[in-house]
Protein backbone atom coordinates (compact mmCIF):
# COMPACT_ATOMS: atom_id res chain seq x y z
CA MET A 1 -15.32 16.96 0.37
CA ASN A 2 -11.96 15.78 -0.98
CA ILE A 3 -9.11 17.21 1.08
CA LEU A 4 -5.49 16.77 0.05
CA TYR A 5 -2.62 17.31 2.45
CA ILE A 6 0.78 17.90 0.88
CA MET A 7 3.39 17.34 3.55
CA ARG A 8 6.92 18.73 3.40
CA ASN A 9 7.77 17.77 6.97
CA ASN A 10 6.65 15.08 9.36
CA PRO A 11 3.36 16.16 10.93
CA ASP A 12 3.32 16.97 14.62
CA ASP A 13 0.58 15.88 17.03
CA THR A 14 -1.61 18.89 16.26
CA VAL A 15 -1.55 18.22 12.52
CA ASN A 16 -2.24 14.53 13.07
CA LYS A 17 -5.27 15.40 15.22
CA MET A 18 -6.59 17.79 12.57
CA ILE A 19 -6.24 15.12 9.89
CA GLU A 20 -8.01 12.54 12.04
CA VAL A 21 -10.92 14.90 12.73
CA GLN A 22 -11.27 15.73 9.03
CA LYS A 23 -11.17 12.03 8.09
CA GLN A 24 -14.38 11.52 10.05
CA SER A 25 -16.48 13.50 7.56
CA ASN A 26 -14.26 13.95 4.48
CA ASP A 27 -12.21 11.98 2.00
CA VAL A 28 -8.63 12.83 3.05
CA SER A 29 -5.50 12.06 1.03
CA ILE A 30 -1.92 12.71 2.09
CA ILE A 31 1.09 13.11 -0.18
CA ASP A 32 4.60 13.30 1.26
CA ILE A 33 6.42 15.57 -1.18
CA ASN A 34 9.79 14.28 0.06
CA THR A 35 9.12 10.69 -0.99
CA ASN A 36 6.66 11.16 -3.86
CA LYS A 37 8.34 12.90 -6.79
CA ASN A 38 5.70 11.86 -9.33
CA TYR A 39 4.61 15.39 -10.20
CA ASP A 40 1.97 14.27 -12.71
CA GLU A 41 0.27 12.32 -9.91
CA ILE A 42 0.57 15.27 -7.52
CA VAL A 43 -0.92 17.71 -10.04
CA ASP A 44 -3.79 15.31 -10.75
CA ALA A 45 -4.43 14.95 -7.00
CA ILE A 46 -4.49 18.74 -6.60
CA ALA A 47 -6.88 19.16 -9.53
CA GLY A 48 -9.20 16.48 -8.13
CA SER A 49 -9.36 17.95 -4.63
CA ASP A 50 -11.83 20.42 -3.21
CA LYS A 51 -9.28 21.72 -0.71
CA VAL A 52 -5.48 21.49 -0.62
CA ILE A 53 -3.52 22.06 2.60
CA THR A 54 0.27 22.19 2.70
CA TRP A 55 2.46 21.66 5.75
């Protein structure tokens, strides 16, 4: 499963642990919305993901 995390804030320890657990059995991508303003790339990443999680 392709999982995309879109981060608005720096992840805390709980979020980091969740990401690490999901990386063990899934393809996980992370986009920091504060530093990545390439909206075409973000939309493509969303469209290509099975699950999108925002923080």
